[in-house]
Amino acid sequence: DKLIGVHTAATQQNETEYKYLKKKIVKLLLALQICPANYHEIWILYTTVLISSLCFSMPAITLTQRQIDKLQELYMPTILKRSGIGHGYPTAVIYADSRFQGHNFYHLKSLHISA
């Protein structure tokens, strides 16, 4: 069933929406890899396009922790690399609030719970 742009299932097995979100991330990452952008532009793309599009369906679907981790593993390496943050950077600093000298990236698990 498709309701307001979200693929939902009565059984709460939201495999269709998961596949759709995965496809959307891959499409966005392909576009990101070929366009020249600085840190600020990557941040705008991350917050206004990627996170907004992922959070749109969150209240209507139930994803497993594994699915959430897989989605985040798809986009975070590219976003971090394009932002100039190395792969060895501490995770706590990446997701920490800017008030605590962090980079203020969103963890998809916390966004899914708060939705």
N, C-alpha and C. Protein backbone atom coordinates (compact mmCIF):
# COMPACT_ATOMS: atom_id res chain seq x y z
N ASP A 1 0.84 -1.17 0.00
CA ASP A 1 0.00 0.00 0.00
C ASP A 1 0.89 1.24 0.00
N LYS A 2 0.50 2.25 -0.75
CA LYS A 2 1.26 3.49 -0.79
C LYS A 2 0.35 4.61 -0.30
N LEU A 3 0.78 5.24 0.79
CA LEU A 3 -0.01 6.30 1.40
C LEU A 3 0.87 7.52 1.60
N ILE A 4 0.51 8.63 1.04
CA ILE A 4 1.26 9.89 1.16
C ILE A 4 2.73 9.71 0.81
N GLY A 5 3.03 8.96 -0.22
CA GLY A 5 4.40 8.81 -0.67
C GLY A 5 5.23 7.83 0.14
N VAL A 6 4.61 7.06 1.01
CA VAL A 6 5.33 6.10 1.84
C VAL A 6 4.81 4.71 1.54
N HIS A 7 5.70 3.76 1.30
CA HIS A 7 5.32 2.38 1.04
C HIS A 7 5.20 1.66 2.38
N THR A 8 3.97 1.38 2.79
CA THR A 8 3.75 0.72 4.08
C THR A 8 3.15 -0.66 3.87
N ALA A 9 3.33 -1.53 4.86
CA ALA A 9 2.76 -2.86 4.81
C ALA A 9 1.99 -3.11 6.09
N ALA A 10 0.86 -3.77 5.99
CA ALA A 10 0.05 -4.05 7.17
C ALA A 10 0.77 -4.97 8.15
N THR A 11 1.69 -5.76 7.65
CA THR A 11 2.43 -6.69 8.51
C THR A 11 3.64 -6.05 9.18
N GLN A 12 3.85 -4.76 8.93
CA GLN A 12 5.01 -4.02 9.44
C GLN A 12 6.33 -4.57 8.91
N GLN A 13 6.29 -5.35 7.85
CA GLN A 13 7.49 -5.80 7.15
C GLN A 13 7.73 -4.79 6.03
N ASN A 14 8.44 -3.75 6.34
CA ASN A 14 8.58 -2.63 5.44
C ASN A 14 9.75 -2.78 4.47
N GLU A 15 9.85 -3.92 3.86
CA GLU A 15 10.95 -4.20 2.94
C GLU A 15 10.89 -3.30 1.70
N THR A 16 9.68 -2.99 1.23
CA THR A 16 9.53 -2.14 0.05
C THR A 16 10.05 -0.74 0.33
N GLU A 17 9.69 -0.19 1.47
CA GLU A 17 10.15 1.15 1.83
C GLU A 17 11.66 1.16 2.08
N TYR A 18 12.17 0.10 2.69
CA TYR A 18 13.61 -0.02 2.92
C TYR A 18 14.36 -0.01 1.59
N LYS A 19 13.88 -0.79 0.63
CA LYS A 19 14.52 -0.84 -0.69
C LYS A 19 14.44 0.52 -1.38
N TYR A 20 13.30 1.19 -1.22
CA TYR A 20 13.12 2.51 -1.82
C TYR A 20 14.09 3.52 -1.21
N LEU A 21 14.23 3.51 0.11
CA LEU A 21 15.16 4.42 0.79
C LEU A 21 16.60 4.13 0.36
N LYS A 22 16.93 2.86 0.24
CA LYS A 22 18.27 2.46 -0.19
C LYS A 22 18.56 2.97 -1.60
N LYS A 23 17.58 2.81 -2.48
CA LYS A 23 17.72 3.27 -3.87
C LYS A 23 17.87 4.79 -3.93
N LYS A 24 17.13 5.49 -3.08
CA LYS A 24 17.20 6.94 -3.04
C LYS A 24 18.58 7.41 -2.56
N ILE A 25 19.14 6.72 -1.56
CA ILE A 25 20.47 7.06 -1.07
C ILE A 25 21.52 6.84 -2.14
N VAL A 26 21.45 5.71 -2.82
CA VAL A 26 22.43 5.40 -3.88
C VAL A 26 22.36 6.45 -4.99
N LYS A 27 21.18 6.84 -5.38
CA LYS A 27 21.00 7.84 -6.43
C LYS A 27 21.60 9.18 -6.00
N LEU A 28 21.36 9.57 -4.77
CA LEU A 28 21.90 10.82 -4.26
C LEU A 28 23.42 10.78 -4.16
N LEU A 29 23.97 9.65 -3.73
CA LEU A 29 25.42 9.52 -3.61
C LEU A 29 26.11 9.55 -4.97
N LEU A 30 25.48 8.97 -5.97
CA LEU A 30 26.05 9.03 -7.32
C LEU A 30 26.14 10.48 -7.81
N ALA A 31 25.09 11.24 -7.54
CA ALA A 31 25.11 12.66 -7.93
C ALA A 31 26.16 13.42 -7.12
N LEU A 32 26.30 13.08 -5.85
CA LEU A 32 27.26 13.75 -4.98
C LEU A 32 28.70 13.49 -5.40
N GLN A 33 28.97 12.29 -5.88
CA GLN A 33 30.34 11.93 -6.25
C GLN A 33 30.85 12.69 -7.47
N ILE A 34 29.95 13.09 -8.35
CA ILE A 34 30.40 13.76 -9.57
C ILE A 34 30.35 15.28 -9.50
N CYS A 35 29.68 15.82 -8.48
CA CYS A 35 29.59 17.28 -8.42
C CYS A 35 30.64 17.85 -7.46
N PRO A 36 31.27 18.95 -7.86
CA PRO A 36 32.22 19.60 -6.95
C PRO A 36 31.45 20.38 -5.89
N ALA A 37 31.79 20.16 -4.64
CA ALA A 37 31.09 20.85 -3.56
C ALA A 37 32.05 21.03 -2.39
N ASN A 38 31.85 22.11 -1.64
CA ASN A 38 32.67 22.33 -0.46
C ASN A 38 31.94 21.80 0.79
N TYR A 39 32.57 21.96 1.94
CA TYR A 39 32.01 21.43 3.19
C TYR A 39 30.61 21.96 3.45
N HIS A 40 30.42 23.26 3.27
CA HIS A 40 29.11 23.87 3.54
C HIS A 40 28.04 23.31 2.61
N GLU A 41 28.35 23.14 1.35
CA GLU A 41 27.38 22.60 0.40
C GLU A 41 27.04 21.14 0.70
N ILE A 42 28.05 20.38 1.14
CA ILE A 42 27.80 19.00 1.54
C ILE A 42 26.87 18.97 2.76
N TRP A 43 27.11 19.86 3.70
CA TRP A 43 26.27 19.93 4.91
C TRP A 43 24.82 20.28 4.55
N ILE A 44 24.62 21.23 3.65
CA ILE A 44 23.28 21.60 3.20
C ILE A 44 22.60 20.42 2.52
N LEU A 45 23.32 19.73 1.65
CA LEU A 45 22.77 18.56 0.97
C LEU A 45 22.40 17.48 2.00
N TYR A 46 23.28 17.27 2.96
CA TYR A 46 23.07 16.24 3.99
C TYR A 46 21.83 16.56 4.82
N THR A 47 21.73 17.80 5.32
CA THR A 47 20.62 18.12 6.22
C THR A 47 19.30 18.36 5.52
N THR A 48 19.33 19.07 4.40
CA THR A 48 18.06 19.43 3.76
C THR A 48 17.53 18.41 2.78
N VAL A 49 18.42 17.66 2.16
CA VAL A 49 17.95 16.68 1.16
C VAL A 49 17.95 15.27 1.74
N LEU A 50 19.11 14.80 2.14
CA LEU A 50 19.24 13.40 2.57
C LEU A 50 18.46 13.11 3.85
N ILE A 51 18.74 13.81 4.91
CA ILE A 51 18.08 13.54 6.19
C ILE A 51 16.58 13.82 6.11
N SER A 52 16.19 14.89 5.44
CA SER A 52 14.77 15.19 5.29
C SER A 52 14.03 14.10 4.54
N SER A 53 14.63 13.60 3.47
CA SER A 53 13.96 12.56 2.70
C SER A 53 13.91 11.23 3.46
N LEU A 54 14.93 10.95 4.26
CA LEU A 54 14.90 9.72 5.05
C LEU A 54 13.90 9.82 6.21
N CYS A 55 13.80 10.99 6.81
CA CYS A 55 12.91 11.16 7.97
C CYS A 55 11.44 11.28 7.59
N PHE A 56 11.17 11.59 6.32
CA PHE A 56 9.78 11.76 5.90
C PHE A 56 8.95 10.52 6.18
N SER A 57 9.50 9.35 5.91
CA SER A 57 8.72 8.11 6.07
C SER A 57 8.84 7.48 7.45
N MET A 58 9.73 7.98 8.29
CA MET A 58 9.99 7.35 9.59
C MET A 58 8.75 7.14 10.47
N PRO A 59 7.83 8.10 10.58
CA PRO A 59 6.67 7.85 11.46
C PRO A 59 5.75 6.73 10.96
N ALA A 60 5.79 6.45 9.67
CA ALA A 60 4.85 5.48 9.10
C ALA A 60 5.42 4.07 8.98
N ILE A 61 6.72 3.90 9.18
CA ILE A 61 7.34 2.59 8.97
C ILE A 61 8.09 2.14 10.21
N THR A 62 8.38 0.86 10.25
CA THR A 62 9.18 0.29 11.32
C THR A 62 10.36 -0.42 10.70
N LEU A 63 11.54 0.13 10.89
CA LEU A 63 12.75 -0.50 10.38
C LEU A 63 13.46 -1.22 11.51
N THR A 64 14.12 -2.30 11.19
CA THR A 64 14.91 -3.01 12.19
C THR A 64 16.21 -2.24 12.42
N GLN A 65 16.88 -2.53 13.51
CA GLN A 65 18.16 -1.89 13.78
C GLN A 65 19.18 -2.20 12.68
N ARG A 66 19.13 -3.41 12.19
CA ARG A 66 20.04 -3.80 11.10
C ARG A 66 19.79 -2.98 9.84
N GLN A 67 18.52 -2.77 9.49
CA GLN A 67 18.19 -1.97 8.32
C GLN A 67 18.64 -0.52 8.49
N ILE A 68 18.45 0.03 9.68
CA ILE A 68 18.89 1.40 9.96
C ILE A 68 20.40 1.50 9.81
N ASP A 69 21.12 0.53 10.38
CA ASP A 69 22.58 0.54 10.28
C ASP A 69 23.04 0.42 8.83
N LYS A 70 22.38 -0.44 8.06
CA LYS A 70 22.75 -0.62 6.64
C LYS A 70 22.54 0.67 5.85
N LEU A 71 21.42 1.36 6.10
CA LEU A 71 21.16 2.61 5.40
C LEU A 71 22.23 3.64 5.75
N GLN A 72 22.55 3.74 7.03
CA GLN A 72 23.56 4.71 7.45
C GLN A 72 24.94 4.37 6.91
N GLU A 73 25.26 3.08 6.85
CA GLU A 73 26.55 2.65 6.31
C GLU A 73 26.69 2.98 4.82
N LEU A 74 25.56 3.13 4.15
CA LEU A 74 25.59 3.49 2.72
C LEU A 74 26.08 4.91 2.50
N TYR A 75 25.54 5.86 3.28
CA TYR A 75 25.83 7.25 2.98
C TYR A 75 26.90 7.90 3.84
N MET A 76 27.11 7.46 5.06
CA MET A 76 28.05 8.17 5.95
C MET A 76 29.49 8.20 5.44
N PRO A 77 30.06 7.10 4.92
CA PRO A 77 31.45 7.20 4.44
C PRO A 77 31.64 8.27 3.36
N THR A 78 30.72 8.35 2.43
CA THR A 78 30.83 9.34 1.35
C THR A 78 30.64 10.75 1.89
N ILE A 79 29.65 10.94 2.75
CA ILE A 79 29.39 12.26 3.33
C ILE A 79 30.60 12.72 4.14
N LEU A 80 31.15 11.83 4.95
CA LEU A 80 32.31 12.20 5.76
C LEU A 80 33.53 12.50 4.90
N LYS A 81 33.76 11.67 3.90
CA LYS A 81 34.91 11.88 3.01
C LYS A 81 34.79 13.21 2.29
N ARG A 82 33.62 13.50 1.75
CA ARG A 82 33.42 14.75 1.02
C ARG A 82 33.45 15.96 1.96
N SER A 83 33.20 15.73 3.25
CA SER A 83 33.26 16.81 4.24
C SER A 83 34.67 17.03 4.77
N GLY A 84 35.60 16.18 4.36
CA GLY A 84 36.97 16.32 4.81
C GLY A 84 37.25 15.65 6.14
N ILE A 85 36.39 14.74 6.54
CA ILE A 85 36.56 14.02 7.80
C ILE A 85 37.05 12.62 7.49
N GLY A 86 38.19 12.24 8.04
CA GLY A 86 38.79 10.94 7.77
C GLY A 86 38.01 9.78 8.37
N HIS A 87 38.25 8.58 7.83
CA HIS A 87 37.53 7.39 8.31
C HIS A 87 37.97 6.98 9.72
N GLY A 88 39.08 7.45 10.19
CA GLY A 88 39.55 7.11 11.53
C GLY A 88 39.10 8.09 12.60
N TYR A 89 38.27 9.05 12.23
CA TYR A 89 37.79 10.06 13.17
C TYR A 89 36.88 9.42 14.20
N PRO A 90 36.97 9.82 15.47
CA PRO A 90 36.13 9.20 16.50
C PRO A 90 34.63 9.40 16.24
N THR A 91 33.90 8.32 16.35
CA THR A 91 32.45 8.35 16.12
C THR A 91 31.75 9.31 17.08
N ALA A 92 32.20 9.34 18.32
CA ALA A 92 31.58 10.23 19.31
C ALA A 92 31.68 11.69 18.89
N VAL A 93 32.77 12.07 18.26
CA VAL A 93 32.96 13.46 17.83
C VAL A 93 32.11 13.74 16.59
N ILE A 94 31.98 12.77 15.72
CA ILE A 94 31.18 12.95 14.50
C ILE A 94 29.73 13.24 14.85
N TYR A 95 29.17 12.50 15.80
CA TYR A 95 27.75 12.65 16.14
C TYR A 95 27.50 13.59 17.32
N ALA A 96 28.56 14.11 17.94
CA ALA A 96 28.39 15.01 19.08
C ALA A 96 27.85 16.36 18.61
N ASP A 97 27.15 17.00 19.50
CA ASP A 97 26.60 18.32 19.25
C ASP A 97 27.75 19.33 19.09
N SER A 98 27.51 20.35 18.30
CA SER A 98 28.55 21.36 18.07
C SER A 98 28.89 22.13 19.35
N ARG A 99 27.98 22.13 20.32
CA ARG A 99 28.27 22.77 21.61
C ARG A 99 29.41 22.07 22.34
N PHE A 100 29.61 20.78 22.00
CA PHE A 100 30.66 19.98 22.63
C PHE A 100 31.80 19.69 21.66
N GLN A 101 32.02 20.59 20.71
CA GLN A 101 33.09 20.49 19.73
C GLN A 101 32.89 19.33 18.74
N GLY A 102 31.66 18.87 18.59
CA GLY A 102 31.37 17.80 17.64
C GLY A 102 30.99 18.34 16.28
N HIS A 103 30.75 17.43 15.36
CA HIS A 103 30.39 17.82 13.99
C HIS A 103 28.88 17.86 13.77
N ASN A 104 28.11 17.40 14.75
CA ASN A 104 26.66 17.54 14.72
C ASN A 104 25.97 16.74 13.61
N PHE A 105 26.57 15.62 13.19
CA PHE A 105 25.90 14.75 12.24
C PHE A 105 24.80 13.98 12.97
N TYR A 106 23.77 13.59 12.25
CA TYR A 106 22.64 12.89 12.84
C TYR A 106 22.84 11.39 12.74
N HIS A 107 22.52 10.70 13.81
CA HIS A 107 22.53 9.24 13.77
C HIS A 107 21.12 8.81 13.40
N LEU A 108 20.99 8.02 12.38
CA LEU A 108 19.68 7.64 11.85
C LEU A 108 18.84 6.92 12.90
N LYS A 109 19.47 6.20 13.80
CA LYS A 109 18.73 5.50 14.86
C LYS A 109 17.99 6.51 15.75
N SER A 110 18.63 7.58 16.14
CA SER A 110 17.98 8.57 17.00
C SER A 110 16.85 9.29 16.25
N LEU A 111 17.02 9.50 14.95
CA LEU A 111 15.97 10.12 14.17
C LEU A 111 14.77 9.19 14.00
N HIS A 112 15.03 7.89 13.88
CA HIS A 112 13.96 6.91 13.74
C HIS A 112 13.16 6.78 15.03
N ILE A 113 13.83 6.83 16.16
CA ILE A 113 13.15 6.73 17.45
C ILE A 113 12.32 7.97 17.73
N SER A 114 12.85 9.14 17.39
CA SER A 114 12.14 10.38 17.69
C SER A 114 10.97 10.64 16.75
N ALA A 115 10.91 9.94 15.62
CA ALA A 115 9.85 10.17 14.64
C ALA A 115 8.52 9.66 15.13
